Amino acid sequence: MSNNSHSNAAASRDKLVEDVKVLTKDVQELLKATAAVVGDKAAEARVKVEESLKVAQDKLNIVQENVKAKGQEAFSVTDGYVRDNPWNAVGIAAGIGFVLGIGFSAGAFLRSRRDD
């Protein structure tokens, strides 16, 4: 997975986690605000919402733990590879830097030609 798509996935995941946390807080506030509403249907609805909220929080915690574990595993594998093959890692980094340098130079050249 490329670094850009990895960072986009991480940003999307972080945004999702933050959105669920905000939703959870809002639902908890709504439950507190409607606590004075009486009736069997209101009580049933509150219980159902509280149960659903608990399930969502548990699933979110599991997903968060899995993502964290996978990230740590990826880091460990990468770190192990770099430690076992330092010159390969240097070569790969140099190659990536070379390709990026050519790409940036070409882009700057094309933009300067277009401005003329």
PDB file of N, CA and C in Angstrom:
ATOM      1  N   MET A   1       0.857  -1.169   0.000  1.00  0.00           N
ATOM      2  CA  MET A   1       0.000   0.000   0.000  1.00  0.00           C
ATOM      3  C   MET A   1       0.898   1.225   0.000  1.00  0.00           C
ATOM      4  N   SER A   2       0.580   2.181  -0.850  1.00  0.00           N
ATOM      5  CA  SER A   2       1.421   3.365  -0.915  1.00  0.00           C
ATOM      6  C   SER A   2       1.231   4.213   0.330  1.00  0.00           C
ATOM      7  N   ASN A   3       2.213   5.059   0.565  1.00  0.00           N
ATOM      8  CA  ASN A   3       2.185   5.898   1.760  1.00  0.00           C
ATOM      9  C   ASN A   3       0.987   6.839   1.729  1.00  0.00           C
ATOM     10  N   ASN A   4       0.661   7.381   0.545  1.00  0.00           N
ATOM     11  CA  ASN A   4      -0.455   8.322   0.423  1.00  0.00           C
ATOM     12  C   ASN A   4      -1.789   7.633   0.710  1.00  0.00           C
ATOM     13  N   SER A   5      -1.997   6.455   0.128  1.00  0.00           N
ATOM     14  CA  SER A   5      -3.263   5.761   0.381  1.00  0.00           C
ATOM     15  C   SER A   5      -3.342   5.284   1.822  1.00  0.00           C
ATOM     16  N   HIS A   6      -2.167   4.937   2.408  1.00  0.00           N
ATOM     17  CA  HIS A   6      -2.145   4.542   3.817  1.00  0.00           C
ATOM     18  C   HIS A   6      -2.544   5.724   4.700  1.00  0.00           C
ATOM     19  N   SER A   7      -2.020   6.913   4.399  1.00  0.00           N
ATOM     20  CA  SER A   7      -2.363   8.074   5.217  1.00  0.00           C
ATOM     21  C   SER A   7      -3.823   8.476   5.012  1.00  0.00           C
ATOM     22  N   ASN A   8      -4.346   8.301   3.786  1.00  0.00           N
ATOM     23  CA  ASN A   8      -5.765   8.583   3.542  1.00  0.00           C
ATOM     24  C   ASN A   8      -6.645   7.615   4.325  1.00  0.00           C
ATOM     25  N   ALA A   9      -6.260   6.337   4.349  1.00  0.00           N
ATOM     26  CA  ALA A   9      -7.025   5.344   5.097  1.00  0.00           C
ATOM     27  C   ALA A   9      -6.978   5.653   6.588  1.00  0.00           C
ATOM     28  N   ALA A  10      -5.807   6.054   7.064  1.00  0.00           N
ATOM     29  CA  ALA A  10      -5.674   6.393   8.486  1.00  0.00           C
ATOM     30  C   ALA A  10      -6.526   7.607   8.825  1.00  0.00           C
ATOM     31  N   ALA A  11      -6.525   8.601   7.946  1.00  0.00           N
ATOM     32  CA  ALA A  11      -7.327   9.805   8.185  1.00  0.00           C
ATOM     33  C   ALA A  11      -8.816   9.466   8.182  1.00  0.00           C
ATOM     34  N   SER A  12      -9.237   8.622   7.249  1.00  0.00           N
ATOM     35  CA  SER A  12     -10.644   8.212   7.189  1.00  0.00           C
ATOM     36  C   SER A  12     -11.035   7.433   8.435  1.00  0.00           C
ATOM     37  N   ARG A  13     -10.145   6.540   8.863  1.00  0.00           N
ATOM     38  CA  ARG A  13     -10.410   5.745  10.057  1.00  0.00           C
ATOM     39  C   ARG A  13     -10.504   6.643  11.286  1.00  0.00           C
ATOM     40  N   ASP A  14      -9.575   7.589  11.397  1.00  0.00           N
ATOM     41  CA  ASP A  14      -9.591   8.512  12.534  1.00  0.00           C
ATOM     42  C   ASP A  14     -10.853   9.362  12.528  1.00  0.00           C
ATOM     43  N   LYS A  15     -11.284   9.799  11.345  1.00  0.00           N
ATOM     44  CA  LYS A  15     -12.507  10.597  11.224  1.00  0.00           C
ATOM     45  C   LYS A  15     -13.718   9.759  11.633  1.00  0.00           C
ATOM     46  N   LEU A  16     -13.753   8.498  11.219  1.00  0.00           N
ATOM     47  CA  LEU A  16     -14.856   7.614  11.586  1.00  0.00           C
ATOM     48  C   LEU A  16     -14.912   7.413  13.092  1.00  0.00           C
ATOM     49  N   VAL A  17     -13.767   7.160  13.698  1.00  0.00           N
ATOM     50  CA  VAL A  17     -13.718   6.966  15.151  1.00  0.00           C
ATOM     51  C   VAL A  17     -14.203   8.226  15.862  1.00  0.00           C
ATOM     52  N   GLU A  18     -13.745   9.382  15.406  1.00  0.00           N
ATOM     53  CA  GLU A  18     -14.157  10.647  16.027  1.00  0.00           C
ATOM     54  C   GLU A  18     -15.659  10.869  15.857  1.00  0.00           C
ATOM     55  N   ASP A  19     -16.196  10.574  14.670  1.00  0.00           N
ATOM     56  CA  ASP A  19     -17.634  10.733  14.421  1.00  0.00           C
ATOM     57  C   ASP A  19     -18.459   9.822  15.331  1.00  0.00           C
ATOM     58  N   VAL A  20     -18.018   8.586  15.516  1.00  0.00           N
ATOM     59  CA  VAL A  20     -18.747   7.662  16.377  1.00  0.00           C
ATOM     60  C   VAL A  20     -18.690   8.136  17.826  1.00  0.00           C
ATOM     61  N   LYS A  21     -17.558   8.668  18.235  1.00  0.00           N
ATOM     62  CA  LYS A  21     -17.453   9.191  19.603  1.00  0.00           C
ATOM     63  C   LYS A  21     -18.403  10.369  19.808  1.00  0.00           C
ATOM     64  N   VAL A  22     -18.482  11.265  18.832  1.00  0.00           N
ATOM     65  CA  VAL A  22     -19.397  12.408  18.923  1.00  0.00           C
ATOM     66  C   VAL A  22     -20.838  11.915  18.953  1.00  0.00           C
ATOM     67  N   LEU A  23     -21.159  10.938  18.089  1.00  0.00           N
ATOM     68  CA  LEU A  23     -22.510  10.373  18.066  1.00  0.00           C
ATOM     69  C   LEU A  23     -22.852   9.745  19.412  1.00  0.00           C
ATOM     70  N   THR A  24     -21.917   9.014  19.987  1.00  0.00           N
ATOM     71  CA  THR A  24     -22.128   8.386  21.281  1.00  0.00           C
ATOM     72  C   THR A  24     -22.429   9.432  22.344  1.00  0.00           C
ATOM     73  N   LYS A  25     -21.637  10.484  22.360  1.00  0.00           N
ATOM     74  CA  LYS A  25     -21.852  11.548  23.349  1.00  0.00           C
ATOM     75  C   LYS A  25     -23.221  12.202  23.157  1.00  0.00           C
ATOM     76  N   ASP A  26     -23.590  12.459  21.892  1.00  0.00           N
ATOM     77  CA  ASP A  26     -24.880  13.080  21.611  1.00  0.00           C
ATOM     78  C   ASP A  26     -26.040  12.183  22.048  1.00  0.00           C
ATOM     79  N   VAL A  27     -25.931  10.891  21.799  1.00  0.00           N
ATOM     80  CA  VAL A  27     -26.995   9.962  22.187  1.00  0.00           C
ATOM     81  C   VAL A  27     -27.100   9.896  23.709  1.00  0.00           C
ATOM     82  N   GLN A  28     -25.955   9.892  24.393  1.00  0.00           N
ATOM     83  CA  GLN A  28     -25.986   9.877  25.857  1.00  0.00           C
ATOM     84  C   GLN A  28     -26.660  11.137  26.401  1.00  0.00           C
ATOM     85  N   GLU A  29     -26.361  12.282  25.802  1.00  0.00           N
ATOM     86  CA  GLU A  29     -26.999  13.534  26.226  1.00  0.00           C
ATOM     87  C   GLU A  29     -28.500  13.498  25.942  1.00  0.00           C
ATOM     88  N   LEU A  30     -28.873  12.936  24.805  1.00  0.00           N
ATOM     89  CA  LEU A  30     -30.289  12.820  24.461  1.00  0.00           C
ATOM     90  C   LEU A  30     -31.011  11.927  25.457  1.00  0.00           C
ATOM     91  N   LEU A  31     -30.384  10.835  25.847  1.00  0.00           N
ATOM     92  CA  LEU A  31     -30.999   9.941  26.825  1.00  0.00           C
ATOM     93  C   LEU A  31     -31.187  10.652  28.162  1.00  0.00           C
ATOM     94  N   LYS A  32     -30.203  11.442  28.575  1.00  0.00           N
ATOM     95  CA  LYS A  32     -30.332  12.191  29.827  1.00  0.00           C
ATOM     96  C   LYS A  32     -31.450  13.229  29.725  1.00  0.00           C
ATOM     97  N   ALA A  33     -31.527  13.907  28.582  1.00  0.00           N
ATOM     98  CA  ALA A  33     -32.536  14.957  28.404  1.00  0.00           C
ATOM     99  C   ALA A  33     -33.949  14.392  28.370  1.00  0.00           C
ATOM    100  N   THR A  34     -34.091  13.174  27.880  1.00  0.00           N
ATOM    101  CA  THR A  34     -35.436  12.586  27.778  1.00  0.00           C
ATOM    102  C   THR A  34     -35.758  11.662  28.947  1.00  0.00           C
ATOM    103  N   ALA A  35     -34.929  11.666  29.951  1.00  0.00           N
ATOM    104  CA  ALA A  35     -35.164  10.782  31.101  1.00  0.00           C
ATOM    105  C   ALA A  35     -36.489  11.099  31.792  1.00  0.00           C
ATOM    106  N   ALA A  36     -36.928  12.359  31.731  1.00  0.00           N
ATOM    107  CA  ALA A  36     -38.167  12.749  32.394  1.00  0.00           C
ATOM    108  C   ALA A  36     -39.403  12.309  31.615  1.00  0.00           C
ATOM    109  N   VAL A  37     -39.235  11.945  30.347  1.00  0.00           N
ATOM    110  CA  VAL A  37     -40.368  11.493  29.546  1.00  0.00           C
ATOM    111  C   VAL A  37     -40.800  10.132  30.091  1.00  0.00           C
ATOM    112  N   VAL A  38     -42.087  10.049  30.365  1.00  0.00           N
ATOM    113  CA  VAL A  38     -42.596   8.818  30.972  1.00  0.00           C
ATOM    114  C   VAL A  38     -43.382   8.010  29.952  1.00  0.00           C
ATOM    115  N   GLY A  39     -43.649   6.805  30.315  1.00  0.00           N
ATOM    116  CA  GLY A  39     -44.443   5.937  29.453  1.00  0.00           C
ATOM    117  C   GLY A  39     -43.645   4.692  29.101  1.00  0.00           C
ATOM    118  N   ASP A  40     -44.387   3.645  28.815  1.00  0.00           N
ATOM    119  CA  ASP A  40     -43.756   2.364  28.494  1.00  0.00           C
ATOM    120  C   ASP A  40     -42.942   2.440  27.209  1.00  0.00           C
ATOM    121  N   LYS A  41     -43.481   3.100  26.196  1.00  0.00           N
ATOM    122  CA  LYS A  41     -42.783   3.191  24.911  1.00  0.00           C
ATOM    123  C   LYS A  41     -41.487   3.980  25.054  1.00  0.00           C
ATOM    124  N   ALA A  42     -41.502   5.062  25.824  1.00  0.00           N
ATOM    125  CA  ALA A  42     -40.300   5.868  26.024  1.00  0.00           C
ATOM    126  C   ALA A  42     -39.243   5.067  26.779  1.00  0.00           C
ATOM    127  N   ALA A  43     -39.657   4.334  27.784  1.00  0.00           N
ATOM    128  CA  ALA A  43     -38.719   3.515  28.561  1.00  0.00           C
ATOM    129  C   ALA A  43     -38.129   2.408  27.698  1.00  0.00           C
ATOM    130  N   GLU A  44     -38.967   1.774  26.880  1.00  0.00           N
ATOM    131  CA  GLU A  44     -38.482   0.727  25.984  1.00  0.00           C
ATOM    132  C   GLU A  44     -37.493   1.301  24.973  1.00  0.00           C
ATOM    133  N   ALA A  45     -37.817   2.464  24.441  1.00  0.00           N
ATOM    134  CA  ALA A  45     -36.940   3.099  23.449  1.00  0.00           C
ATOM    135  C   ALA A  45     -35.595   3.446  24.078  1.00  0.00           C
ATOM    136  N   ARG A  46     -35.616   3.967  25.297  1.00  0.00           N
ATOM    137  CA  ARG A  46     -34.354   4.308  25.978  1.00  0.00           C
ATOM    138  C   ARG A  46     -33.497   3.066  26.212  1.00  0.00           C
ATOM    139  N   VAL A  47     -34.128   1.988  26.647  1.00  0.00           N
ATOM    140  CA  VAL A  47     -33.397   0.742  26.891  1.00  0.00           C
ATOM    141  C   VAL A  47     -32.788   0.225  25.589  1.00  0.00           C
ATOM    142  N   LYS A  48     -33.564   0.267  24.511  1.00  0.00           N
ATOM    143  CA  LYS A  48     -33.086  -0.199  23.212  1.00  0.00           C
ATOM    144  C   LYS A  48     -31.900   0.642  22.730  1.00  0.00           C
ATOM    145  N   VAL A  49     -32.028   1.956  22.866  1.00  0.00           N
ATOM    146  CA  VAL A  49     -30.954   2.854  22.433  1.00  0.00           C
ATOM    147  C   VAL A  49     -29.704   2.622  23.276  1.00  0.00           C
ATOM    148  N   GLU A  50     -29.883   2.466  24.576  1.00  0.00           N
ATOM    149  CA  GLU A  50     -28.727   2.221  25.452  1.00  0.00           C
ATOM    150  C   GLU A  50     -28.031   0.914  25.085  1.00  0.00           C
ATOM    151  N   GLU A  51     -28.806  -0.133  24.780  1.00  0.00           N
ATOM    152  CA  GLU A  51     -28.220  -1.415  24.384  1.00  0.00           C
ATOM    153  C   GLU A  51     -27.470  -1.282  23.056  1.00  0.00           C
ATOM    154  N   SER A  52     -28.086  -0.603  22.097  1.00  0.00           N
ATOM    155  CA  SER A  52     -27.447  -0.408  20.792  1.00  0.00           C
ATOM    156  C   SER A  52     -26.181   0.415  20.926  1.00  0.00           C
ATOM    157  N   LEU A  53     -26.233   1.421  21.770  1.00  0.00           N
ATOM    158  CA  LEU A  53     -25.069   2.270  22.007  1.00  0.00           C
ATOM    159  C   LEU A  53     -23.932   1.457  22.624  1.00  0.00           C
ATOM    160  N   LYS A  54     -24.257   0.605  23.557  1.00  0.00           N
ATOM    161  CA  LYS A  54     -23.242  -0.247  24.197  1.00  0.00           C
ATOM    162  C   LYS A  54     -22.601  -1.180  23.178  1.00  0.00           C
ATOM    163  N   VAL A  55     -23.422  -1.789  22.318  1.00  0.00           N
ATOM    164  CA  VAL A  55     -22.907  -2.685  21.280  1.00  0.00           C
ATOM    165  C   VAL A  55     -21.989  -1.918  20.329  1.00  0.00           C
ATOM    166  N   ALA A  56     -22.411  -0.716  19.916  1.00  0.00           N
ATOM    167  CA  ALA A  56     -21.597   0.097  19.001  1.00  0.00           C
ATOM    168  C   ALA A  56     -20.260   0.472  19.644  1.00  0.00           C
ATOM    169  N   GLN A  57     -20.291   0.842  20.916  1.00  0.00           N
ATOM    170  CA  GLN A  57     -19.056   1.194  21.615  1.00  0.00           C
ATOM    171  C   GLN A  57     -18.127  -0.009  21.724  1.00  0.00           C
ATOM    172  N   ASP A  58     -18.682  -1.180  22.022  1.00  0.00           N
ATOM    173  CA  ASP A  58     -17.872  -2.396  22.128  1.00  0.00           C
ATOM    174  C   ASP A  58     -17.230  -2.734  20.780  1.00  0.00           C
ATOM    175  N   LYS A  59     -18.010  -2.641  19.694  1.00  0.00           N
ATOM    176  CA  LYS A  59     -17.479  -2.935  18.359  1.00  0.00           C
ATOM    177  C   LYS A  59     -16.395  -1.933  17.976  1.00  0.00           C
ATOM    178  N   LEU A  60     -16.617  -0.667  18.296  1.00  0.00           N
ATOM    179  CA  LEU A  60     -15.622   0.359  17.991  1.00  0.00           C
ATOM    180  C   LEU A  60     -14.326   0.091  18.746  1.00  0.00           C
ATOM    181  N   ASN A  61     -14.431  -0.303  20.006  1.00  0.00           N
ATOM    182  CA  ASN A  61     -13.237  -0.629  20.786  1.00  0.00           C
ATOM    183  C   ASN A  61     -12.482  -1.808  20.184  1.00  0.00           C
ATOM    184  N   ILE A  62     -13.222  -2.814  19.717  1.00  0.00           N
ATOM    185  CA  ILE A  62     -12.589  -3.981  19.096  1.00  0.00           C
ATOM    186  C   ILE A  62     -11.868  -3.572  17.814  1.00  0.00           C
ATOM    187  N   VAL A  63     -12.539  -2.775  16.986  1.00  0.00           N
ATOM    188  CA  VAL A  63     -11.923  -2.312  15.734  1.00  0.00           C
ATOM    189  C   VAL A  63     -10.683  -1.487  16.031  1.00  0.00           C
ATOM    190  N   GLN A  64     -10.776  -0.616  17.015  1.00  0.00           N
ATOM    191  CA  GLN A  64      -9.646   0.237  17.377  1.00  0.00           C
ATOM    192  C   GLN A  64      -8.458  -0.614  17.849  1.00  0.00           C
ATOM    193  N   GLU A  65      -8.730  -1.630  18.645  1.00  0.00           N
ATOM    194  CA  GLU A  65      -7.664  -2.512  19.119  1.00  0.00           C
ATOM    195  C   GLU A  65      -7.041  -3.299  17.974  1.00  0.00           C
ATOM    196  N   ASN A  66      -7.870  -3.783  17.036  1.00  0.00           N
ATOM    197  CA  ASN A  66      -7.362  -4.526  15.884  1.00  0.00           C
ATOM    198  C   ASN A  66      -6.481  -3.657  15.001  1.00  0.00           C
ATOM    199  N   VAL A  67      -6.919  -2.440  14.748  1.00  0.00           N
ATOM    200  CA  VAL A  67      -6.139  -1.523  13.915  1.00  0.00           C
ATOM    201  C   VAL A  67      -4.811  -1.206  14.589  1.00  0.00           C
ATOM    202  N   LYS A  68      -4.851  -0.982  15.877  1.00  0.00           N
ATOM    203  CA  LYS A  68      -3.621  -0.688  16.617  1.00  0.00           C
ATOM    204  C   LYS A  68      -2.669  -1.879  16.560  1.00  0.00           C
ATOM    205  N   ALA A  69      -3.198  -3.082  16.739  1.00  0.00           N
ATOM    206  CA  ALA A  69      -2.361  -4.285  16.698  1.00  0.00           C
ATOM    207  C   ALA A  69      -1.753  -4.481  15.310  1.00  0.00           C
ATOM    208  N   LYS A  70      -2.539  -4.256  14.264  1.00  0.00           N
ATOM    209  CA  LYS A  70      -2.019  -4.397  12.900  1.00  0.00           C
ATOM    210  C   LYS A  70      -0.955  -3.356  12.608  1.00  0.00           C
ATOM    211  N   GLY A  71      -1.150  -2.147  13.094  1.00  0.00           N
ATOM    212  CA  GLY A  71      -0.145  -1.098  12.911  1.00  0.00           C
ATOM    213  C   GLY A  71       1.158  -1.447  13.609  1.00  0.00           C
ATOM    214  N   GLN A  72       1.043  -1.966  14.814  1.00  0.00           N
ATOM    215  CA  GLN A  72       2.248  -2.364  15.551  1.00  0.00           C
ATOM    216  C   GLN A  72       2.942  -3.529  14.862  1.00  0.00           C
ATOM    217  N   GLU A  73       2.159  -4.458  14.326  1.00  0.00           N
ATOM    218  CA  GLU A  73       2.730  -5.599  13.611  1.00  0.00           C
ATOM    219  C   GLU A  73       3.460  -5.137  12.348  1.00  0.00           C
ATOM    220  N   ALA A  74       2.830  -4.227  11.601  1.00  0.00           N
ATOM    221  CA  ALA A  74       3.468  -3.697  10.387  1.00  0.00           C
ATOM    222  C   ALA A  74       4.764  -2.977  10.731  1.00  0.00           C
ATOM    223  N   PHE A  75       4.743  -2.221  11.807  1.00  0.00           N
ATOM    224  CA  PHE A  75       5.952  -1.521  12.230  1.00  0.00           C
ATOM    225  C   PHE A  75       7.044  -2.518  12.592  1.00  0.00           C
ATOM    226  N   SER A  76       6.688  -3.558  13.320  1.00  0.00           N
ATOM    227  CA  SER A  76       7.671  -4.567  13.732  1.00  0.00           C
ATOM    228  C   SER A  76       8.278  -5.273  12.529  1.00  0.00           C
ATOM    229  N   VAL A  77       7.439  -5.645  11.555  1.00  0.00           N
ATOM    230  CA  VAL A  77       7.930  -6.320  10.356  1.00  0.00           C
ATOM    231  C   VAL A  77       8.863  -5.399   9.573  1.00  0.00           C
ATOM    232  N   THR A  78       8.457  -4.148   9.402  1.00  0.00           N
ATOM    233  CA  THR A  78       9.287  -3.190   8.667  1.00  0.00           C
ATOM    234  C   THR A  78      10.597  -2.945   9.399  1.00  0.00           C
ATOM    235  N   ASP A  79      10.516  -2.767  10.699  1.00  0.00           N
ATOM    236  CA  ASP A  79      11.716  -2.537  11.498  1.00  0.00           C
ATOM    237  C   ASP A  79      12.661  -3.737  11.410  1.00  0.00           C
ATOM    238  N   GLY A  80      12.111  -4.934  11.481  1.00  0.00           N
ATOM    239  CA  GLY A  80      12.924  -6.141  11.370  1.00  0.00           C
ATOM    240  C   GLY A  80      13.599  -6.248  10.017  1.00  0.00           C
ATOM    241  N   TYR A  81      12.852  -5.918   8.954  1.00  0.00           N
ATOM    242  CA  TYR A  81      13.428  -5.975   7.610  1.00  0.00           C
ATOM    243  C   TYR A  81      14.571  -4.977   7.473  1.00  0.00           C
ATOM    244  N   VAL A  82      14.358  -3.772   7.937  1.00  0.00           N
ATOM    245  CA  VAL A  82      15.396  -2.737   7.832  1.00  0.00           C
ATOM    246  C   VAL A  82      16.625  -3.132   8.641  1.00  0.00           C
ATOM    247  N   ARG A  83      16.421  -3.692   9.809  1.00  0.00           N
ATOM    248  CA  ARG A  83      17.568  -4.112  10.636  1.00  0.00           C
ATOM    249  C   ARG A  83      18.312  -5.290  10.006  1.00  0.00           C
ATOM    250  N   ASP A  84      17.563  -6.213   9.386  1.00  0.00           N
ATOM    251  CA  ASP A  84      18.195  -7.371   8.762  1.00  0.00           C
ATOM    252  C   ASP A  84      18.833  -7.032   7.410  1.00  0.00           C
ATOM    253  N   ASN A  85      18.288  -6.053   6.726  1.00  0.00           N
ATOM    254  CA  ASN A  85      18.758  -5.698   5.375  1.00  0.00           C
ATOM    255  C   ASN A  85      18.975  -4.195   5.262  1.00  0.00           C
ATOM    256  N   PRO A  86      19.913  -3.636   5.998  1.00  0.00           N
ATOM    257  CA  PRO A  86      20.048  -2.174   5.996  1.00  0.00           C
ATOM    258  C   PRO A  86      20.408  -1.605   4.632  1.00  0.00           C
ATOM    259  N   TRP A  87      21.254  -2.299   3.866  1.00  0.00           N
ATOM    260  CA  TRP A  87      21.643  -1.749   2.564  1.00  0.00           C
ATOM    261  C   TRP A  87      20.509  -1.837   1.560  1.00  0.00           C
ATOM    262  N   ASN A  88      19.690  -2.866   1.654  1.00  0.00           N
ATOM    263  CA  ASN A  88      18.507  -2.938   0.788  1.00  0.00           C
ATOM    264  C   ASN A  88      17.568  -1.767   1.089  1.00  0.00           C
ATOM    265  N   ALA A  89      17.386  -1.489   2.372  1.00  0.00           N
ATOM    266  CA  ALA A  89      16.506  -0.386   2.771  1.00  0.00           C
ATOM    267  C   ALA A  89      17.055   0.944   2.266  1.00  0.00           C
ATOM    268  N   VAL A  90      18.367   1.122   2.356  1.00  0.00           N
ATOM    269  CA  VAL A  90      18.986   2.362   1.853  1.00  0.00           C
ATOM    270  C   VAL A  90      18.787   2.456   0.346  1.00  0.00           C
ATOM    271  N   GLY A  91      18.964   1.355  -0.352  1.00  0.00           N
ATOM    272  CA  GLY A  91      18.772   1.344  -1.810  1.00  0.00           C
ATOM    273  C   GLY A  91      17.338   1.663  -2.202  1.00  0.00           C
ATOM    274  N   ILE A  92      16.404   1.078  -1.499  1.00  0.00           N
ATOM    275  CA  ILE A  92      14.986   1.343  -1.784  1.00  0.00           C
ATOM    276  C   ILE A  92      14.665   2.812  -1.527  1.00  0.00           C
ATOM    277  N   ALA A  93      15.144   3.341  -0.408  1.00  0.00           N
ATOM    278  CA  ALA A  93      14.890   4.752  -0.090  1.00  0.00           C
ATOM    279  C   ALA A  93      15.520   5.665  -1.136  1.00  0.00           C
ATOM    280  N   ALA A  94      16.730   5.331  -1.559  1.00  0.00           N
ATOM    281  CA  ALA A  94      17.396   6.151  -2.587  1.00  0.00           C
ATOM    282  C   ALA A  94      16.626   6.083  -3.899  1.00  0.00           C
ATOM    283  N   GLY A  95      16.156   4.908  -4.260  1.00  0.00           N
ATOM    284  CA  GLY A  95      15.378   4.763  -5.496  1.00  0.00           C
ATOM    285  C   GLY A  95      14.085   5.554  -5.448  1.00  0.00           C
ATOM    286  N   ILE A  96      13.408   5.491  -4.334  1.00  0.00           N
ATOM    287  CA  ILE A  96      12.162   6.254  -4.182  1.00  0.00           C
ATOM    288  C   ILE A  96      12.459   7.753  -4.255  1.00  0.00           C
ATOM    289  N   GLY A  97      13.535   8.173  -3.585  1.00  0.00           N
ATOM    290  CA  GLY A  97      13.917   9.587  -3.637  1.00  0.00           C
ATOM    291  C   GLY A  97      14.260  10.033  -5.043  1.00  0.00           C
ATOM    292  N   PHE A  98      14.944   9.177  -5.789  1.00  0.00           N
ATOM    293  CA  PHE A  98      15.304   9.492  -7.171  1.00  0.00           C
ATOM    294  C   PHE A  98      14.055   9.660  -8.031  1.00  0.00           C
ATOM    295  N   VAL A  99      13.134   8.707  -7.922  1.00  0.00           N
ATOM    296  CA  VAL A  99      11.897   8.765  -8.709  1.00  0.00           C
ATOM    297  C   VAL A  99      11.075  10.005  -8.339  1.00  0.00           C
ATOM    298  N   LEU A 100      10.953  10.299  -7.042  1.00  0.00           N
ATOM    299  CA  LEU A 100      10.216  11.494  -6.620  1.00  0.00           C
ATOM    300  C   LEU A 100      10.895  12.760  -7.122  1.00  0.00           C
ATOM    301  N   GLY A 101      12.222  12.795  -7.087  1.00  0.00           N
ATOM    302  CA  GLY A 101      12.956  13.958  -7.577  1.00  0.00           C
ATOM    303  C   GLY A 101      12.700  14.195  -9.052  1.00  0.00           C
ATOM    304  N   ILE A 102      12.721  13.131  -9.840  1.00  0.00           N
ATOM    305  CA  ILE A 102      12.438  13.261 -11.273  1.00  0.00           C
ATOM    306  C   ILE A 102      11.006  13.740 -11.480  1.00  0.00           C
ATOM    307  N   GLY A 103      10.094  13.171 -10.727  1.00  0.00           N
ATOM    308  CA  GLY A 103       8.687  13.573 -10.865  1.00  0.00           C
ATOM    309  C   GLY A 103       8.468  15.034 -10.514  1.00  0.00           C
ATOM    310  N   PHE A 104       9.062  15.490  -9.425  1.00  0.00           N
ATOM    311  CA  PHE A 104       8.912  16.899  -9.038  1.00  0.00           C
ATOM    312  C   PHE A 104       9.581  17.818 -10.052  1.00  0.00           C
ATOM    313  N   SER A 105      10.746  17.429 -10.541  1.00  0.00           N
ATOM    314  CA  SER A 105      11.455  18.249 -11.531  1.00  0.00           C
ATOM    315  C   SER A 105      10.650  18.354 -12.818  1.00  0.00           C
ATOM    316  N   ALA A 106      10.099  17.234 -13.254  1.00  0.00           N
ATOM    317  CA  ALA A 106       9.289  17.243 -14.474  1.00  0.00           C
ATOM    318  C   ALA A 106       8.047  18.108 -14.284  1.00  0.00           C
ATOM    319  N   GLY A 107       7.425  17.989 -13.124  1.00  0.00           N
ATOM    320  CA  GLY A 107       6.234  18.805 -12.860  1.00  0.00           C
ATOM    321  C   GLY A 107       6.560  20.282 -12.836  1.00  0.00           C
ATOM    322  N   ALA A 108       7.675  20.653 -12.204  1.00  0.00           N
ATOM    323  CA  ALA A 108       8.080  22.058 -12.166  1.00  0.00           C
ATOM    324  C   ALA A 108       8.416  22.550 -13.558  1.00  0.00           C
ATOM    325  N   PHE A 109       9.088  21.716 -14.358  1.00  0.00           N
ATOM    326  CA  PHE A 109       9.444  22.092 -15.720  1.00  0.00           C
ATOM    327  C   PHE A 109       8.188  22.318 -16.554  1.00  0.00           C
ATOM    328  N   LEU A 110       7.235  21.403 -16.444  1.00  0.00           N
ATOM    329  CA  LEU A 110       5.999  21.544 -17.234  1.00  0.00           C
ATOM    330  C   LEU A 110       5.197  22.769 -16.806  1.00  0.00           C
ATOM    331  N   ARG A 111       5.161  23.056 -15.506  1.00  0.00           N
ATOM    332  CA  ARG A 111       4.434  24.234 -15.043  1.00  0.00           C
ATOM    333  C   ARG A 111       5.114  25.518 -15.541  1.00  0.00           C
ATOM    334  N   SER A 112       6.439  25.550 -15.550  1.00  0.00           N
ATOM    335  CA  SER A 112       7.139  26.743 -16.029  1.00  0.00           C
ATOM    336  C   SER A 112       6.928  26.922 -17.524  1.00  0.00           C
ATOM    337  N   ARG A 113       6.860  25.839 -18.290  1.00  0.00           N
ATOM    338  CA  ARG A 113       6.626  25.920 -19.739  1.00  0.00           C
ATOM    339  C   ARG A 113       5.213  26.395 -20.017  1.00  0.00           C
ATOM    340  N   ARG A 114       4.273  25.985 -19.184  1.00  0.00           N
ATOM    341  CA  ARG A 114       2.872  26.359 -19.387  1.00  0.00           C
ATOM    342  C   ARG A 114       2.674  27.844 -19.078  1.00  0.00           C
ATOM    343  N   ASP A 115       3.426  28.374 -18.097  1.00  0.00           N
ATOM    344  CA  ASP A 115       3.308  29.782 -17.709  1.00  0.00           C
ATOM    345  C   ASP A 115       3.873  30.714 -18.765  1.00  0.00           C
ATOM    346  N   ASP A 116       4.778  30.224 -19.608  1.00  0.00           N
ATOM    347  CA  ASP A 116       5.414  31.071 -20.630  1.00  0.00           C
ATOM    348  C   ASP A 116       4.498  31.466 -21.714  1.00  0.00           C
TER     349      ASP A 116
END
